[in-house]
Amino acid sequence: MYPGVREVTPNEDFSLNVVLENGEKRVLDMKPYLDFGVFKKLRDYESFKRARVAFDTIEWDEGVDLDPEFVYEKSKPIEDA
C-alpha cells in the first residue's frame, strides 16, 4: 500500500512538490508525461497549476488524476536543507 497525498504544490517547471500522509516530502516531474494521452491537457500552465488533493491523490479540473502508486514510484525525495 502506497501512502496517500496530503499536500500538493505545483511549480512553474511543471513539477509537483508533494507531502505524503507518512510525512515524506517528494517532487514529481510531470514534464516527461505531458506529451501523452490525457496529460496533454496539462501542458498549459494555467491548467497545470490547478492541481489539488482529492481523496488520497492528485487531480485536475480537466479530468486528469494520478494513482497514488504512480505519484510515489515516479517522484523523488526532497532533501531538507
N, C-alpha and C. Protein backbone atom coordinates (compact mmCIF):
# COMPACT_ATOMS: atom_id res chain seq x y z
N MET A 1 0.84 -1.18 0.00
CA MET A 1 0.00 0.00 0.00
C MET A 1 0.88 1.25 0.00
N TYR A 2 0.59 2.16 -0.89
CA TYR A 2 1.37 3.38 -1.00
C TYR A 2 0.72 4.49 -0.18
N PRO A 3 1.54 5.38 0.41
CA PRO A 3 0.95 6.48 1.19
C PRO A 3 0.20 7.44 0.28
N GLY A 4 -0.91 7.95 0.79
CA GLY A 4 -1.69 8.92 0.04
C GLY A 4 -1.06 10.30 0.07
N VAL A 5 -1.57 11.17 -0.76
CA VAL A 5 -1.08 12.54 -0.86
C VAL A 5 -1.84 13.41 0.14
N ARG A 6 -1.11 14.21 0.90
CA ARG A 6 -1.72 15.13 1.87
C ARG A 6 -1.70 16.56 1.35
N GLU A 7 -0.62 16.94 0.63
CA GLU A 7 -0.49 18.29 0.09
C GLU A 7 0.17 18.22 -1.28
N VAL A 8 -0.19 19.16 -2.16
CA VAL A 8 0.48 19.28 -3.46
C VAL A 8 0.66 20.75 -3.79
N THR A 9 1.85 21.07 -4.31
CA THR A 9 2.16 22.43 -4.74
C THR A 9 2.75 22.36 -6.14
N PRO A 10 2.05 22.91 -7.14
CA PRO A 10 2.59 22.93 -8.50
C PRO A 10 3.72 23.95 -8.62
N ASN A 11 4.73 23.62 -9.40
CA ASN A 11 5.86 24.51 -9.66
C ASN A 11 5.84 24.95 -11.12
N GLU A 12 6.45 26.10 -11.41
CA GLU A 12 6.46 26.65 -12.76
C GLU A 12 7.17 25.76 -13.77
N ASP A 13 8.02 24.86 -13.31
CA ASP A 13 8.74 23.94 -14.22
C ASP A 13 7.96 22.65 -14.48
N PHE A 14 6.66 22.66 -14.18
CA PHE A 14 5.78 21.51 -14.38
C PHE A 14 6.17 20.31 -13.52
N SER A 15 6.66 20.61 -12.34
CA SER A 15 6.85 19.57 -11.34
C SER A 15 5.87 19.85 -10.20
N LEU A 16 5.71 18.86 -9.34
CA LEU A 16 4.81 18.98 -8.20
C LEU A 16 5.57 18.65 -6.92
N ASN A 17 5.51 19.53 -5.95
CA ASN A 17 6.01 19.20 -4.63
C ASN A 17 4.87 18.53 -3.89
N VAL A 18 5.16 17.38 -3.31
CA VAL A 18 4.13 16.56 -2.69
C VAL A 18 4.52 16.22 -1.26
N VAL A 19 3.55 16.32 -0.35
CA VAL A 19 3.72 15.83 1.01
C VAL A 19 2.77 14.65 1.16
N LEU A 20 3.33 13.52 1.56
CA LEU A 20 2.55 12.29 1.69
C LEU A 20 2.02 12.13 3.12
N GLU A 21 1.06 11.26 3.27
CA GLU A 21 0.45 11.02 4.59
C GLU A 21 1.46 10.53 5.63
N ASN A 22 2.54 9.91 5.18
CA ASN A 22 3.56 9.43 6.11
C ASN A 22 4.60 10.51 6.43
N GLY A 23 4.38 11.74 5.93
CA GLY A 23 5.28 12.86 6.21
C GLY A 23 6.39 13.06 5.20
N GLU A 24 6.58 12.11 4.28
CA GLU A 24 7.62 12.26 3.25
C GLU A 24 7.32 13.46 2.36
N LYS A 25 8.38 14.17 1.98
CA LYS A 25 8.28 15.26 1.02
C LYS A 25 8.98 14.80 -0.25
N ARG A 26 8.26 14.89 -1.38
CA ARG A 26 8.80 14.38 -2.64
C ARG A 26 8.50 15.37 -3.74
N VAL A 27 9.22 15.24 -4.86
CA VAL A 27 8.97 16.06 -6.04
C VAL A 27 8.70 15.12 -7.22
N LEU A 28 7.65 15.45 -7.97
CA LEU A 28 7.25 14.65 -9.12
C LEU A 28 7.36 15.52 -10.37
N ASP A 29 8.30 15.17 -11.25
CA ASP A 29 8.49 15.89 -12.51
C ASP A 29 7.47 15.37 -13.52
N MET A 30 6.54 16.22 -13.94
CA MET A 30 5.48 15.81 -14.86
C MET A 30 5.86 16.05 -16.32
N LYS A 31 6.96 16.75 -16.59
CA LYS A 31 7.33 17.07 -17.98
C LYS A 31 7.39 15.85 -18.90
N PRO A 32 7.95 14.72 -18.48
CA PRO A 32 8.03 13.57 -19.39
C PRO A 32 6.67 13.01 -19.81
N TYR A 33 5.61 13.37 -19.13
CA TYR A 33 4.30 12.78 -19.39
C TYR A 33 3.36 13.71 -20.16
N LEU A 34 3.74 14.98 -20.33
CA LEU A 34 2.83 15.98 -20.88
C LEU A 34 2.57 15.85 -22.39
N ASP A 35 3.26 14.95 -23.06
CA ASP A 35 3.02 14.74 -24.50
C ASP A 35 2.18 13.49 -24.76
N PHE A 36 1.63 12.89 -23.70
CA PHE A 36 0.92 11.63 -23.85
C PHE A 36 -0.50 11.69 -23.30
N GLY A 37 -1.42 11.13 -24.07
CA GLY A 37 -2.80 10.92 -23.62
C GLY A 37 -3.44 12.12 -22.95
N VAL A 38 -4.13 11.84 -21.85
CA VAL A 38 -4.85 12.90 -21.14
C VAL A 38 -3.93 13.95 -20.54
N PHE A 39 -2.67 13.61 -20.36
CA PHE A 39 -1.73 14.57 -19.77
C PHE A 39 -1.47 15.76 -20.68
N LYS A 40 -1.76 15.63 -21.99
CA LYS A 40 -1.61 16.76 -22.91
C LYS A 40 -2.45 17.95 -22.46
N LYS A 41 -3.54 17.69 -21.77
CA LYS A 41 -4.42 18.75 -21.27
C LYS A 41 -3.73 19.64 -20.25
N LEU A 42 -2.61 19.18 -19.69
CA LEU A 42 -1.92 19.91 -18.64
C LEU A 42 -0.72 20.70 -19.14
N ARG A 43 -0.50 20.72 -20.45
CA ARG A 43 0.66 21.44 -20.99
C ARG A 43 0.53 22.95 -20.82
N ASP A 44 -0.69 23.44 -20.65
CA ASP A 44 -0.93 24.84 -20.37
C ASP A 44 -0.74 25.06 -18.87
N TYR A 45 0.18 25.96 -18.50
CA TYR A 45 0.49 26.13 -17.08
C TYR A 45 -0.73 26.57 -16.28
N GLU A 46 -1.63 27.34 -16.88
CA GLU A 46 -2.83 27.77 -16.16
C GLU A 46 -3.66 26.56 -15.73
N SER A 47 -3.69 25.53 -16.53
CA SER A 47 -4.38 24.29 -16.16
C SER A 47 -3.56 23.50 -15.15
N PHE A 48 -2.27 23.37 -15.42
CA PHE A 48 -1.40 22.58 -14.57
C PHE A 48 -1.40 23.08 -13.12
N LYS A 49 -1.36 24.39 -12.94
CA LYS A 49 -1.23 24.94 -11.59
C LYS A 49 -2.48 24.76 -10.73
N ARG A 50 -3.56 24.24 -11.32
CA ARG A 50 -4.78 23.99 -10.54
C ARG A 50 -4.81 22.58 -9.95
N ALA A 51 -3.66 21.95 -9.85
CA ALA A 51 -3.57 20.63 -9.21
C ALA A 51 -4.06 20.75 -7.77
N ARG A 52 -4.76 19.71 -7.32
CA ARG A 52 -5.26 19.71 -5.95
C ARG A 52 -5.31 18.27 -5.43
N VAL A 53 -5.38 18.15 -4.13
CA VAL A 53 -5.52 16.84 -3.50
C VAL A 53 -7.00 16.46 -3.52
N ALA A 54 -7.26 15.24 -3.94
CA ALA A 54 -8.61 14.67 -3.91
C ALA A 54 -8.49 13.27 -3.35
N PHE A 55 -9.18 13.04 -2.26
CA PHE A 55 -9.08 11.77 -1.55
C PHE A 55 -7.62 11.55 -1.17
N ASP A 56 -6.91 10.63 -1.81
CA ASP A 56 -5.53 10.36 -1.41
C ASP A 56 -4.54 10.60 -2.55
N THR A 57 -4.97 11.36 -3.57
CA THR A 57 -4.09 11.57 -4.71
C THR A 57 -4.26 12.97 -5.29
N ILE A 58 -3.76 13.19 -6.50
CA ILE A 58 -3.76 14.50 -7.15
C ILE A 58 -4.71 14.47 -8.33
N GLU A 59 -5.49 15.55 -8.50
CA GLU A 59 -6.37 15.65 -9.65
C GLU A 59 -6.40 17.08 -10.18
N TRP A 60 -6.88 17.20 -11.41
CA TRP A 60 -7.05 18.48 -12.09
C TRP A 60 -8.48 18.57 -12.62
N ASP A 61 -8.94 19.80 -12.88
CA ASP A 61 -10.28 20.02 -13.42
C ASP A 61 -10.49 19.34 -14.76
N GLU A 62 -9.44 19.15 -15.52
CA GLU A 62 -9.52 18.59 -16.87
C GLU A 62 -9.84 17.09 -16.89
N GLY A 63 -10.12 16.52 -15.75
CA GLY A 63 -10.43 15.10 -15.70
C GLY A 63 -9.20 14.21 -15.58
N VAL A 64 -8.08 14.80 -15.26
CA VAL A 64 -6.83 14.07 -15.11
C VAL A 64 -6.59 13.82 -13.63
N ASP A 65 -6.21 12.59 -13.29
CA ASP A 65 -5.81 12.31 -11.93
C ASP A 65 -4.67 11.30 -11.95
N LEU A 66 -3.98 11.20 -10.84
CA LEU A 66 -2.83 10.32 -10.73
C LEU A 66 -3.10 9.25 -9.68
N ASP A 67 -2.67 8.06 -9.94
CA ASP A 67 -2.75 6.97 -8.99
C ASP A 67 -1.70 7.19 -7.90
N PRO A 68 -2.03 6.93 -6.63
CA PRO A 68 -1.02 7.10 -5.56
C PRO A 68 0.25 6.30 -5.81
N GLU A 69 0.13 5.14 -6.43
CA GLU A 69 1.31 4.34 -6.75
C GLU A 69 2.20 5.08 -7.74
N PHE A 70 1.59 5.70 -8.77
CA PHE A 70 2.34 6.48 -9.75
C PHE A 70 3.06 7.63 -9.06
N VAL A 71 2.34 8.36 -8.21
CA VAL A 71 2.94 9.50 -7.51
C VAL A 71 4.17 9.05 -6.74
N TYR A 72 4.05 7.96 -6.00
CA TYR A 72 5.17 7.52 -5.17
C TYR A 72 6.32 6.97 -6.00
N GLU A 73 6.02 6.12 -6.96
CA GLU A 73 7.07 5.47 -7.76
C GLU A 73 7.83 6.44 -8.66
N LYS A 74 7.15 7.46 -9.18
CA LYS A 74 7.78 8.38 -10.12
C LYS A 74 8.37 9.62 -9.46
N SER A 75 8.11 9.83 -8.20
CA SER A 75 8.63 11.01 -7.51
C SER A 75 9.95 10.70 -6.82
N LYS A 76 10.65 11.75 -6.46
CA LYS A 76 11.94 11.61 -5.77
C LYS A 76 11.88 12.35 -4.45
N PRO A 77 12.56 11.82 -3.43
CA PRO A 77 12.57 12.50 -2.14
C PRO A 77 13.19 13.89 -2.24
N ILE A 78 12.65 14.82 -1.47
CA ILE A 78 13.23 16.15 -1.35
C ILE A 78 14.07 16.15 -0.07
N GLU A 79 15.31 16.49 -0.24
CA GLU A 79 16.20 16.57 0.93
C GLU A 79 15.95 17.88 1.66
N ASP A 80 15.72 17.81 2.95
CA ASP A 80 15.56 19.03 3.75
C ASP A 80 16.89 19.75 3.85
N ALA A 81 16.85 21.03 3.59
CA ALA A 81 18.08 21.83 3.63
C ALA A 81 18.32 22.37 5.02
